[in-house]
Amino acid sequence: MSKGGIILKGLVKDNPTFVLVLGMCPTLGTTTSAINGFGMGVATMFVLILSNIFISLVAGGIPDKVRIPCYIVIIASFVTILQLVMQAFVPSMYEVLGLFIPLIVVNCIVLGRAEAFANKNGVLDSACDGLGVGLGFTCALTLIGLVREILGSGSAFGFKFMEGDGILAFVLAPGAFFVLAYLMVIFRKLTGNL
């Protein structure tokens, strides 16, 4: 498969949110706004790309009995780097995302891609897979956050464009479930995955 095909597959066919239904905790918990969804998606994509590359490089030397613990240590190392970078350069985003950043270590998207793709493929293909799946996750979280923000507070990316308040339910947890469900149906209908 070509590099572009691998990236496109991660965006559409293997979209972690709308098709594989993975990573629901950060999807539902961080998408109260488009900026938060985008920030979480980019953070996860950073870890995905780097962990896929590193796991692809060392997978042949890791015994099967300790494969998963080794992957978790590698992923945790990149999450720690991410935390330190976010605290230094975007502390406001780090404060908003809070607990969800360390939880990237156990995010089934990252560990799943390491097990399903990175340990069986070359470095460049693994990087493309991380990029595609990361972009798919980022786009999905940003879209969910955007819809929730528009309906819940009448703003988009923090810019208020409607008078008054929106529908409070869309800023709260039930809104996340409703928006996710409707966007999942629309995505699958548009892509032929329904």
N, C-alpha and C. Protein backbone atom coordinates (compact mmCIF):
# COMPACT_ATOMS: atom_id res chain seq x y z
N MET A 1 0.85 -1.17 0.00
CA MET A 1 0.00 0.00 0.00
C MET A 1 0.90 1.24 0.00
N SER A 2 0.49 2.27 -0.73
CA SER A 2 1.28 3.50 -0.80
C SER A 2 1.21 4.25 0.53
N LYS A 3 2.14 5.19 0.71
CA LYS A 3 2.16 6.00 1.95
C LYS A 3 0.88 6.83 2.07
N GLY A 4 0.44 7.42 0.95
CA GLY A 4 -0.81 8.19 0.95
C GLY A 4 -2.01 7.31 1.27
N GLY A 5 -1.99 6.08 0.78
CA GLY A 5 -3.07 5.13 1.08
C GLY A 5 -3.13 4.76 2.54
N ILE A 6 -1.96 4.63 3.17
CA ILE A 6 -1.91 4.32 4.60
C ILE A 6 -2.50 5.48 5.40
N ILE A 7 -2.13 6.71 5.02
CA ILE A 7 -2.64 7.90 5.73
C ILE A 7 -4.15 8.01 5.53
N LEU A 8 -4.61 7.83 4.30
CA LEU A 8 -6.05 7.93 4.01
C LEU A 8 -6.84 6.84 4.74
N LYS A 9 -6.25 5.66 4.84
CA LYS A 9 -6.92 4.57 5.57
C LYS A 9 -7.13 4.94 7.03
N GLY A 10 -6.13 5.59 7.65
CA GLY A 10 -6.26 6.04 9.04
C GLY A 10 -7.30 7.13 9.21
N LEU A 11 -7.45 7.96 8.18
CA LEU A 11 -8.43 9.04 8.23
C LEU A 11 -9.86 8.54 8.07
N VAL A 12 -10.05 7.57 7.17
CA VAL A 12 -11.42 7.15 6.82
C VAL A 12 -11.72 5.73 7.27
N LYS A 13 -11.10 4.74 6.68
CA LYS A 13 -11.47 3.34 6.94
C LYS A 13 -11.15 2.91 8.37
N ASP A 14 -10.02 3.37 8.90
CA ASP A 14 -9.64 3.03 10.28
C ASP A 14 -9.77 4.23 11.20
N ASN A 15 -10.73 5.12 10.93
CA ASN A 15 -10.91 6.29 11.79
C ASN A 15 -11.20 5.79 13.20
N PRO A 16 -10.37 6.17 14.17
CA PRO A 16 -10.52 5.61 15.51
C PRO A 16 -11.81 5.99 16.21
N THR A 17 -12.37 7.13 15.90
CA THR A 17 -13.57 7.59 16.60
C THR A 17 -14.84 7.12 15.92
N PHE A 18 -14.97 7.39 14.64
CA PHE A 18 -16.23 7.14 13.94
C PHE A 18 -16.38 5.72 13.40
N VAL A 19 -15.28 4.99 13.21
CA VAL A 19 -15.38 3.63 12.66
C VAL A 19 -14.98 2.59 13.70
N LEU A 20 -13.80 2.73 14.28
CA LEU A 20 -13.32 1.72 15.24
C LEU A 20 -13.88 1.93 16.64
N VAL A 21 -14.43 3.10 16.92
CA VAL A 21 -15.01 3.47 18.22
C VAL A 21 -14.01 3.20 19.35
N LEU A 22 -12.81 3.76 19.19
CA LEU A 22 -11.76 3.65 20.19
C LEU A 22 -11.49 5.03 20.80
N GLY A 23 -10.94 5.05 21.98
CA GLY A 23 -10.57 6.30 22.62
C GLY A 23 -11.77 7.13 23.03
N MET A 24 -12.82 6.48 23.51
CA MET A 24 -14.04 7.21 23.84
C MET A 24 -13.91 8.09 25.08
N CYS A 25 -13.03 7.74 26.00
CA CYS A 25 -12.87 8.56 27.21
C CYS A 25 -12.40 9.97 26.85
N PRO A 26 -11.29 10.14 26.12
CA PRO A 26 -10.93 11.51 25.75
C PRO A 26 -11.89 12.13 24.75
N THR A 27 -12.51 11.32 23.92
CA THR A 27 -13.46 11.85 22.95
C THR A 27 -14.63 12.52 23.64
N LEU A 28 -15.18 11.87 24.63
CA LEU A 28 -16.34 12.41 25.34
C LEU A 28 -15.94 13.44 26.38
N GLY A 29 -14.76 13.30 26.95
CA GLY A 29 -14.36 14.16 28.06
C GLY A 29 -13.72 15.48 27.67
N THR A 30 -13.09 15.55 26.51
CA THR A 30 -12.35 16.77 26.17
C THR A 30 -12.99 17.61 25.07
N THR A 31 -14.08 17.17 24.51
CA THR A 31 -14.63 17.87 23.35
C THR A 31 -15.70 18.89 23.71
N THR A 32 -15.54 19.58 24.81
CA THR A 32 -16.50 20.64 25.16
C THR A 32 -16.34 21.85 24.25
N SER A 33 -15.20 21.94 23.57
CA SER A 33 -14.99 23.00 22.59
C SER A 33 -14.09 22.47 21.48
N ALA A 34 -14.09 23.16 20.36
CA ALA A 34 -13.28 22.74 19.21
C ALA A 34 -11.79 22.82 19.54
N ILE A 35 -11.39 23.85 20.28
CA ILE A 35 -9.97 24.02 20.63
C ILE A 35 -9.51 22.86 21.52
N ASN A 36 -10.33 22.48 22.49
CA ASN A 36 -9.96 21.37 23.37
C ASN A 36 -9.85 20.06 22.58
N GLY A 37 -10.81 19.81 21.69
CA GLY A 37 -10.76 18.61 20.86
C GLY A 37 -9.53 18.59 19.98
N PHE A 38 -9.21 19.74 19.39
CA PHE A 38 -8.03 19.85 18.53
C PHE A 38 -6.76 19.60 19.34
N GLY A 39 -6.68 20.20 20.52
CA GLY A 39 -5.50 20.02 21.37
C GLY A 39 -5.29 18.57 21.77
N MET A 40 -6.37 17.90 22.16
CA MET A 40 -6.25 16.49 22.54
C MET A 40 -5.87 15.63 21.34
N GLY A 41 -6.44 15.94 20.18
CA GLY A 41 -6.12 15.18 18.98
C GLY A 41 -4.67 15.33 18.58
N VAL A 42 -4.15 16.53 18.62
CA VAL A 42 -2.75 16.78 18.25
C VAL A 42 -1.82 16.11 19.26
N ALA A 43 -2.16 16.17 20.54
CA ALA A 43 -1.34 15.51 21.56
C ALA A 43 -1.28 14.01 21.33
N THR A 44 -2.43 13.41 21.02
CA THR A 44 -2.47 11.98 20.76
C THR A 44 -1.71 11.64 19.48
N MET A 45 -1.85 12.48 18.45
CA MET A 45 -1.15 12.24 17.19
C MET A 45 0.36 12.28 17.40
N PHE A 46 0.85 13.22 18.20
CA PHE A 46 2.27 13.31 18.52
C PHE A 46 2.78 11.99 19.10
N VAL A 47 2.05 11.48 20.09
CA VAL A 47 2.45 10.22 20.74
C VAL A 47 2.32 9.05 19.77
N LEU A 48 1.27 9.04 18.97
CA LEU A 48 1.06 7.97 17.99
C LEU A 48 2.21 7.87 16.99
N ILE A 49 2.56 8.98 16.41
CA ILE A 49 3.62 8.97 15.39
C ILE A 49 4.95 8.52 15.99
N LEU A 50 5.35 9.14 17.10
CA LEU A 50 6.64 8.80 17.69
C LEU A 50 6.70 7.39 18.25
N SER A 51 5.63 6.96 18.89
CA SER A 51 5.64 5.59 19.43
C SER A 51 5.61 4.56 18.30
N ASN A 52 4.86 4.82 17.24
CA ASN A 52 4.86 3.90 16.09
C ASN A 52 6.25 3.77 15.49
N ILE A 53 6.93 4.90 15.32
CA ILE A 53 8.28 4.88 14.75
C ILE A 53 9.22 4.08 15.65
N PHE A 54 9.22 4.38 16.93
CA PHE A 54 10.14 3.73 17.85
C PHE A 54 9.84 2.24 17.99
N ILE A 55 8.56 1.89 18.09
CA ILE A 55 8.19 0.48 18.22
C ILE A 55 8.55 -0.28 16.96
N SER A 56 8.38 0.34 15.81
CA SER A 56 8.77 -0.30 14.56
C SER A 56 10.27 -0.59 14.54
N LEU A 57 11.05 0.30 15.11
CA LEU A 57 12.51 0.13 15.14
C LEU A 57 12.95 -1.00 16.07
N VAL A 58 12.29 -1.15 17.22
CA VAL A 58 12.76 -2.10 18.23
C VAL A 58 11.93 -3.39 18.31
N ALA A 59 10.86 -3.50 17.55
CA ALA A 59 9.94 -4.63 17.69
C ALA A 59 10.62 -5.98 17.50
N GLY A 60 11.56 -6.06 16.59
CA GLY A 60 12.24 -7.33 16.35
C GLY A 60 13.07 -7.81 17.52
N GLY A 61 13.51 -6.92 18.37
CA GLY A 61 14.34 -7.30 19.50
C GLY A 61 13.60 -7.50 20.80
N ILE A 62 12.28 -7.35 20.79
CA ILE A 62 11.50 -7.49 22.02
C ILE A 62 10.89 -8.90 22.07
N PRO A 63 11.16 -9.66 23.14
CA PRO A 63 10.55 -10.99 23.26
C PRO A 63 9.02 -10.89 23.39
N ASP A 64 8.33 -11.89 22.87
CA ASP A 64 6.86 -11.87 22.88
C ASP A 64 6.27 -11.77 24.29
N LYS A 65 6.92 -12.36 25.27
CA LYS A 65 6.37 -12.38 26.63
C LYS A 65 6.31 -11.00 27.27
N VAL A 66 7.15 -10.08 26.84
CA VAL A 66 7.17 -8.74 27.44
C VAL A 66 6.86 -7.64 26.42
N ARG A 67 6.27 -8.03 25.31
CA ARG A 67 5.99 -7.09 24.23
C ARG A 67 5.09 -5.94 24.67
N ILE A 68 3.93 -6.24 25.25
CA ILE A 68 2.97 -5.21 25.65
C ILE A 68 3.54 -4.31 26.74
N PRO A 69 4.16 -4.85 27.81
CA PRO A 69 4.77 -3.94 28.80
C PRO A 69 5.85 -3.03 28.19
N CYS A 70 6.61 -3.55 27.26
CA CYS A 70 7.63 -2.71 26.60
C CYS A 70 6.98 -1.60 25.80
N TYR A 71 5.89 -1.91 25.10
CA TYR A 71 5.17 -0.89 24.33
C TYR A 71 4.64 0.20 25.27
N ILE A 72 4.12 -0.21 26.41
CA ILE A 72 3.57 0.76 27.36
C ILE A 72 4.67 1.68 27.90
N VAL A 73 5.86 1.13 28.15
CA VAL A 73 6.97 1.95 28.62
C VAL A 73 7.38 2.96 27.53
N ILE A 74 7.43 2.51 26.28
CA ILE A 74 7.78 3.40 25.18
C ILE A 74 6.74 4.51 25.05
N ILE A 75 5.47 4.14 25.07
CA ILE A 75 4.39 5.12 24.94
C ILE A 75 4.42 6.10 26.12
N ALA A 76 4.63 5.56 27.32
CA ALA A 76 4.69 6.42 28.52
C ALA A 76 5.84 7.41 28.44
N SER A 77 6.94 7.01 27.85
CA SER A 77 8.08 7.92 27.69
C SER A 77 7.70 9.10 26.79
N PHE A 78 7.02 8.82 25.69
CA PHE A 78 6.62 9.91 24.79
C PHE A 78 5.52 10.78 25.41
N VAL A 79 4.66 10.19 26.21
CA VAL A 79 3.63 10.98 26.90
C VAL A 79 4.29 11.91 27.92
N THR A 80 5.32 11.43 28.61
CA THR A 80 6.04 12.27 29.57
C THR A 80 6.71 13.45 28.86
N ILE A 81 7.32 13.18 27.71
CA ILE A 81 7.91 14.27 26.91
C ILE A 81 6.82 15.26 26.52
N LEU A 82 5.69 14.74 26.07
CA LEU A 82 4.56 15.60 25.67
C LEU A 82 4.10 16.47 26.84
N GLN A 83 3.97 15.87 28.02
CA GLN A 83 3.54 16.64 29.21
C GLN A 83 4.50 17.78 29.50
N LEU A 84 5.78 17.50 29.46
CA LEU A 84 6.77 18.53 29.76
C LEU A 84 6.74 19.65 28.72
N VAL A 85 6.60 19.28 27.46
CA VAL A 85 6.53 20.29 26.39
C VAL A 85 5.27 21.14 26.55
N MET A 86 4.14 20.49 26.82
CA MET A 86 2.89 21.24 26.99
C MET A 86 2.95 22.16 28.21
N GLN A 87 3.50 21.68 29.31
CA GLN A 87 3.62 22.52 30.50
C GLN A 87 4.50 23.73 30.24
N ALA A 88 5.52 23.56 29.41
CA ALA A 88 6.45 24.65 29.13
C ALA A 88 5.91 25.65 28.12
N PHE A 89 5.25 25.16 27.07
CA PHE A 89 4.89 26.04 25.96
C PHE A 89 3.40 26.36 25.84
N VAL A 90 2.53 25.48 26.27
CA VAL A 90 1.07 25.74 26.23
C VAL A 90 0.43 25.33 27.56
N PRO A 91 0.81 26.02 28.64
CA PRO A 91 0.30 25.63 29.96
C PRO A 91 -1.22 25.74 30.08
N SER A 92 -1.83 26.68 29.38
CA SER A 92 -3.29 26.81 29.45
C SER A 92 -3.98 25.58 28.86
N MET A 93 -3.46 25.07 27.75
CA MET A 93 -4.03 23.86 27.15
C MET A 93 -3.78 22.65 28.05
N TYR A 94 -2.60 22.60 28.65
CA TYR A 94 -2.29 21.50 29.57
C TYR A 94 -3.25 21.51 30.76
N GLU A 95 -3.55 22.68 31.27
CA GLU A 95 -4.49 22.81 32.41
C GLU A 95 -5.89 22.34 32.01
N VAL A 96 -6.32 22.69 30.82
CA VAL A 96 -7.67 22.33 30.37
C VAL A 96 -7.78 20.82 30.16
N LEU A 97 -6.78 20.22 29.53
CA LEU A 97 -6.85 18.79 29.22
C LEU A 97 -6.53 17.93 30.43
N GLY A 98 -5.75 18.47 31.36
CA GLY A 98 -5.50 17.85 32.65
C GLY A 98 -5.19 16.37 32.62
N LEU A 99 -6.03 15.60 33.25
CA LEU A 99 -5.83 14.17 33.44
C LEU A 99 -5.81 13.39 32.12
N PHE A 100 -6.41 13.91 31.09
CA PHE A 100 -6.49 13.17 29.84
C PHE A 100 -5.15 13.03 29.14
N ILE A 101 -4.19 13.91 29.43
CA ILE A 101 -2.86 13.79 28.82
C ILE A 101 -2.14 12.53 29.34
N PRO A 102 -2.02 12.32 30.66
CA PRO A 102 -1.38 11.08 31.11
C PRO A 102 -2.14 9.82 30.68
N LEU A 103 -3.44 9.94 30.48
CA LEU A 103 -4.22 8.77 30.07
C LEU A 103 -3.95 8.35 28.62
N ILE A 104 -3.20 9.16 27.87
CA ILE A 104 -2.82 8.73 26.51
C ILE A 104 -2.00 7.45 26.58
N VAL A 105 -1.29 7.24 27.69
CA VAL A 105 -0.48 6.03 27.85
C VAL A 105 -1.33 4.78 27.68
N VAL A 106 -2.52 4.77 28.22
CA VAL A 106 -3.37 3.58 28.15
C VAL A 106 -4.49 3.73 27.11
N ASN A 107 -4.38 4.72 26.25
CA ASN A 107 -5.38 4.91 25.21
C ASN A 107 -5.28 3.73 24.24
N CYS A 108 -6.39 3.08 24.01
CA CYS A 108 -6.40 1.88 23.17
C CYS A 108 -6.03 2.18 21.72
N ILE A 109 -6.17 3.42 21.29
CA ILE A 109 -5.77 3.78 19.92
C ILE A 109 -4.26 3.62 19.78
N VAL A 110 -3.51 4.18 20.71
CA VAL A 110 -2.05 4.17 20.63
C VAL A 110 -1.51 2.76 20.77
N LEU A 111 -1.97 2.04 21.79
CA LEU A 111 -1.49 0.68 22.00
C LEU A 111 -1.97 -0.25 20.88
N GLY A 112 -3.19 -0.03 20.41
CA GLY A 112 -3.72 -0.85 19.32
C GLY A 112 -2.94 -0.69 18.03
N ARG A 113 -2.54 0.53 17.69
CA ARG A 113 -1.76 0.76 16.47
C ARG A 113 -0.36 0.18 16.62
N ALA A 114 0.18 0.23 17.84
CA ALA A 114 1.50 -0.37 18.06
C ALA A 114 1.44 -1.88 17.81
N GLU A 115 0.40 -2.51 18.33
CA GLU A 115 0.26 -3.96 18.21
C GLU A 115 -0.19 -4.38 16.81
N ALA A 116 -1.12 -3.65 16.22
CA ALA A 116 -1.69 -4.06 14.93
C ALA A 116 -0.84 -3.65 13.74
N PHE A 117 -0.06 -2.58 13.86
CA PHE A 117 0.64 -2.08 12.68
C PHE A 117 2.14 -1.90 12.89
N ALA A 118 2.53 -1.14 13.89
CA ALA A 118 3.94 -0.73 14.02
C ALA A 118 4.90 -1.89 14.21
N ASN A 119 4.48 -2.92 14.93
CA ASN A 119 5.42 -4.02 15.17
C ASN A 119 5.56 -4.96 13.98
N LYS A 120 4.76 -4.75 12.93
CA LYS A 120 4.81 -5.62 11.75
C LYS A 120 5.27 -4.90 10.49
N ASN A 121 5.48 -3.58 10.57
CA ASN A 121 5.80 -2.80 9.38
C ASN A 121 7.04 -1.95 9.59
N GLY A 122 7.53 -1.37 8.50
CA GLY A 122 8.72 -0.55 8.53
C GLY A 122 8.48 0.80 9.18
N VAL A 123 9.55 1.54 9.37
CA VAL A 123 9.51 2.81 10.08
C VAL A 123 8.65 3.83 9.35
N LEU A 124 8.86 4.00 8.05
CA LEU A 124 8.12 5.02 7.30
C LEU A 124 6.63 4.69 7.23
N ASP A 125 6.31 3.42 6.99
CA ASP A 125 4.89 3.03 6.97
C ASP A 125 4.25 3.23 8.34
N SER A 126 5.00 2.92 9.39
CA SER A 126 4.47 3.10 10.75
C SER A 126 4.25 4.57 11.07
N ALA A 127 5.16 5.43 10.60
CA ALA A 127 4.97 6.87 10.79
C ALA A 127 3.74 7.36 10.04
N CYS A 128 3.54 6.86 8.82
CA CYS A 128 2.36 7.24 8.03
C CYS A 128 1.08 6.75 8.69
N ASP A 129 1.12 5.55 9.26
CA ASP A 129 -0.05 5.03 9.97
C ASP A 129 -0.37 5.90 11.18
N GLY A 130 0.65 6.26 11.95
CA GLY A 130 0.44 7.13 13.10
C GLY A 130 -0.12 8.49 12.68
N LEU A 131 0.40 9.02 11.58
CA LEU A 131 -0.09 10.30 11.07
C LEU A 131 -1.55 10.19 10.63
N GLY A 132 -1.88 9.16 9.87
CA GLY A 132 -3.26 8.99 9.38
C GLY A 132 -4.26 8.79 10.49
N VAL A 133 -3.96 7.89 11.41
CA VAL A 133 -4.87 7.63 12.53
C VAL A 133 -4.94 8.86 13.44
N GLY A 134 -3.79 9.51 13.64
CA GLY A 134 -3.77 10.73 14.45
C GLY A 134 -4.58 11.85 13.83
N LEU A 135 -4.47 12.01 12.51
CA LEU A 135 -5.28 13.02 11.83
C LEU A 135 -6.77 12.68 11.91
N GLY A 136 -7.08 11.40 11.76
CA GLY A 136 -8.48 10.97 11.87
C GLY A 136 -9.04 11.28 13.25
N PHE A 137 -8.25 11.00 14.28
CA PHE A 137 -8.67 11.27 15.65
C PHE A 137 -8.80 12.78 15.89
N THR A 138 -7.83 13.54 15.41
CA THR A 138 -7.85 15.00 15.58
C THR A 138 -9.05 15.62 14.88
N CYS A 139 -9.30 15.21 13.65
CA CYS A 139 -10.46 15.75 12.91
C CYS A 139 -11.77 15.40 13.61
N ALA A 140 -11.87 14.16 14.09
CA ALA A 140 -13.10 13.74 14.76
C ALA A 140 -13.32 14.53 16.05
N LEU A 141 -12.29 14.67 16.87
CA LEU A 141 -12.44 15.41 18.13
C LEU A 141 -12.73 16.88 17.89
N THR A 142 -12.07 17.45 16.90
CA THR A 142 -12.31 18.86 16.59
C THR A 142 -13.74 19.07 16.11
N LEU A 143 -14.22 18.19 15.25
CA LEU A 143 -15.60 18.29 14.73
C LEU A 143 -16.62 18.12 15.85
N ILE A 144 -16.43 17.13 16.70
CA ILE A 144 -17.35 16.92 17.83
C ILE A 144 -17.34 18.15 18.74
N GLY A 145 -16.13 18.64 19.05
CA GLY A 145 -16.02 19.83 19.89
C GLY A 145 -16.66 21.05 19.26
N LEU A 146 -16.51 21.20 17.94
CA LEU A 146 -17.10 22.34 17.24
C LEU A 146 -18.62 22.30 17.29
N VAL A 147 -19.20 21.15 17.02
CA VAL A 147 -20.66 21.02 17.06
C VAL A 147 -21.17 21.28 18.47
N ARG A 148 -20.51 20.70 19.48
CA ARG A 148 -20.93 20.91 20.87
C ARG A 148 -20.80 22.37 21.27
N GLU A 149 -19.73 23.02 20.82
CA GLU A 149 -19.52 24.42 21.17
C GLU A 149 -20.56 25.32 20.50
N ILE A 150 -20.86 25.06 19.24
CA ILE A 150 -21.86 25.87 18.54
C ILE A 150 -23.23 25.72 19.19
N LEU A 151 -23.64 24.46 19.42
CA LEU A 151 -24.96 24.23 20.00
C LEU A 151 -25.03 24.58 21.48
N GLY A 152 -23.92 24.41 22.19
CA GLY A 152 -23.94 24.62 23.63
C GLY A 152 -23.70 26.04 24.09
N SER A 153 -22.90 26.80 23.33
CA SER A 153 -22.59 28.16 23.78
C SER A 153 -22.68 29.22 22.70
N GLY A 154 -23.01 28.81 21.47
CA GLY A 154 -23.15 29.78 20.40
C GLY A 154 -21.84 30.39 19.96
N SER A 155 -20.78 29.62 20.04
CA SER A 155 -19.47 30.10 19.61
C SER A 155 -18.77 29.02 18.81
N ALA A 156 -17.70 29.42 18.13
CA ALA A 156 -16.87 28.47 17.38
C ALA A 156 -15.41 28.86 17.58
N PHE A 157 -14.61 27.92 18.03
CA PHE A 157 -13.21 28.16 18.35
C PHE A 157 -13.04 29.35 19.29
N GLY A 158 -14.00 29.49 20.21
CA GLY A 158 -13.94 30.53 21.22
C GLY A 158 -14.51 31.88 20.81
N PHE A 159 -14.91 32.01 19.55
CA PHE A 159 -15.48 33.27 19.08
C PHE A 159 -17.00 33.21 19.14
N LYS A 160 -17.58 34.04 19.97
CA LYS A 160 -19.04 34.08 20.18
C LYS A 160 -19.69 34.73 18.95
N PHE A 161 -20.68 34.05 18.37
CA PHE A 161 -21.38 34.61 17.21
C PHE A 161 -22.89 34.63 17.37
N MET A 162 -23.38 34.09 18.49
CA MET A 162 -24.82 34.11 18.76
C MET A 162 -25.07 34.81 20.08
N GLU A 163 -26.16 35.53 20.13
CA GLU A 163 -26.57 36.19 21.38
C GLU A 163 -27.11 35.16 22.36
N GLY A 164 -26.91 35.40 23.63
CA GLY A 164 -27.47 34.52 24.66
C GLY A 164 -26.70 33.23 24.78
N ASP A 165 -27.30 32.35 25.57
CA ASP A 165 -26.68 31.04 25.80
C ASP A 165 -27.24 30.03 24.82
N GLY A 166 -26.47 28.97 24.62
CA GLY A 166 -26.94 27.87 23.78
C GLY A 166 -27.69 26.86 24.62
N ILE A 167 -27.74 25.66 24.15
CA ILE A 167 -28.42 24.57 24.84
C ILE A 167 -27.41 23.91 25.79
N LEU A 168 -27.63 24.07 27.07
CA LEU A 168 -26.69 23.62 28.09
C LEU A 168 -26.35 22.13 27.95
N ALA A 169 -27.30 21.32 27.56
CA ALA A 169 -27.07 19.88 27.48
C ALA A 169 -25.90 19.53 26.56
N PHE A 170 -25.65 20.35 25.54
CA PHE A 170 -24.57 20.03 24.61
C PHE A 170 -23.18 20.31 25.18
N VAL A 171 -23.09 21.11 26.21
CA VAL A 171 -21.82 21.34 26.87
C VAL A 171 -21.56 20.25 27.91
N LEU A 172 -22.62 19.63 28.39
CA LEU A 172 -22.51 18.58 29.40
C LEU A 172 -22.35 17.21 28.75
N ALA A 173 -22.16 16.19 29.57
CA ALA A 173 -21.91 14.83 29.08
C ALA A 173 -22.97 14.29 28.12
N PRO A 174 -24.27 14.47 28.38
CA PRO A 174 -25.25 13.94 27.43
C PRO A 174 -25.08 14.49 26.01
N GLY A 175 -24.69 15.75 25.92
CA GLY A 175 -24.46 16.35 24.61
C GLY A 175 -23.35 15.65 23.84
N ALA A 176 -22.32 15.23 24.57
CA ALA A 176 -21.22 14.52 23.92
C ALA A 176 -21.70 13.23 23.28
N PHE A 177 -22.55 12.50 23.99
CA PHE A 177 -23.08 11.25 23.44
C PHE A 177 -23.96 11.49 22.23
N PHE A 178 -24.84 12.48 22.31
CA PHE A 178 -25.72 12.78 21.18
C PHE A 178 -24.94 13.21 19.95
N VAL A 179 -24.01 14.13 20.14
CA VAL A 179 -23.23 14.63 19.00
C VAL A 179 -22.39 13.51 18.39
N LEU A 180 -21.72 12.71 19.24
CA LEU A 180 -20.93 11.59 18.75
C LEU A 180 -21.78 10.63 17.94
N ALA A 181 -22.95 10.29 18.46
CA ALA A 181 -23.82 9.33 17.76
C ALA A 181 -24.25 9.86 16.39
N TYR A 182 -24.71 11.10 16.34
CA TYR A 182 -25.16 11.65 15.06
C TYR A 182 -24.01 11.81 14.07
N LEU A 183 -22.86 12.27 14.54
CA LEU A 183 -21.72 12.42 13.63
C LEU A 183 -21.20 11.07 13.16
N MET A 184 -21.27 10.06 14.01
CA MET A 184 -20.85 8.72 13.62
C MET A 184 -21.74 8.20 12.49
N VAL A 185 -23.04 8.39 12.61
CA VAL A 185 -23.97 7.95 11.57
C VAL A 185 -23.71 8.70 10.27
N ILE A 186 -23.54 10.02 10.37
CA ILE A 186 -23.29 10.82 9.17
C ILE A 186 -21.98 10.40 8.51
N PHE A 187 -20.92 10.21 9.30
CA PHE A 187 -19.62 9.81 8.76
C PHE A 187 -19.72 8.46 8.05
N ARG A 188 -20.36 7.52 8.70
CA ARG A 188 -20.47 6.19 8.10
C ARG A 188 -21.33 6.20 6.84
N LYS A 189 -22.36 7.04 6.84
CA LYS A 189 -23.21 7.16 5.65
C LYS A 189 -22.43 7.77 4.48
N LEU A 190 -21.67 8.82 4.77
CA LEU A 190 -20.89 9.49 3.72
C LEU A 190 -19.76 8.65 3.18
N THR A 191 -19.17 7.81 4.03
CA THR A 191 -18.04 7.01 3.61
C THR A 191 -18.42 5.59 3.19
N GLY A 192 -19.70 5.26 3.27
CA GLY A 192 -20.13 3.93 2.87
C GLY A 192 -19.84 2.84 3.87
N ASN A 193 -19.56 3.21 5.11
CA ASN A 193 -19.27 2.22 6.16
C ASN A 193 -20.51 1.83 6.95
N LEU A 194 -21.68 2.26 6.53
CA LEU A 194 -22.89 1.97 7.30
C LEU A 194 -23.48 0.64 6.90
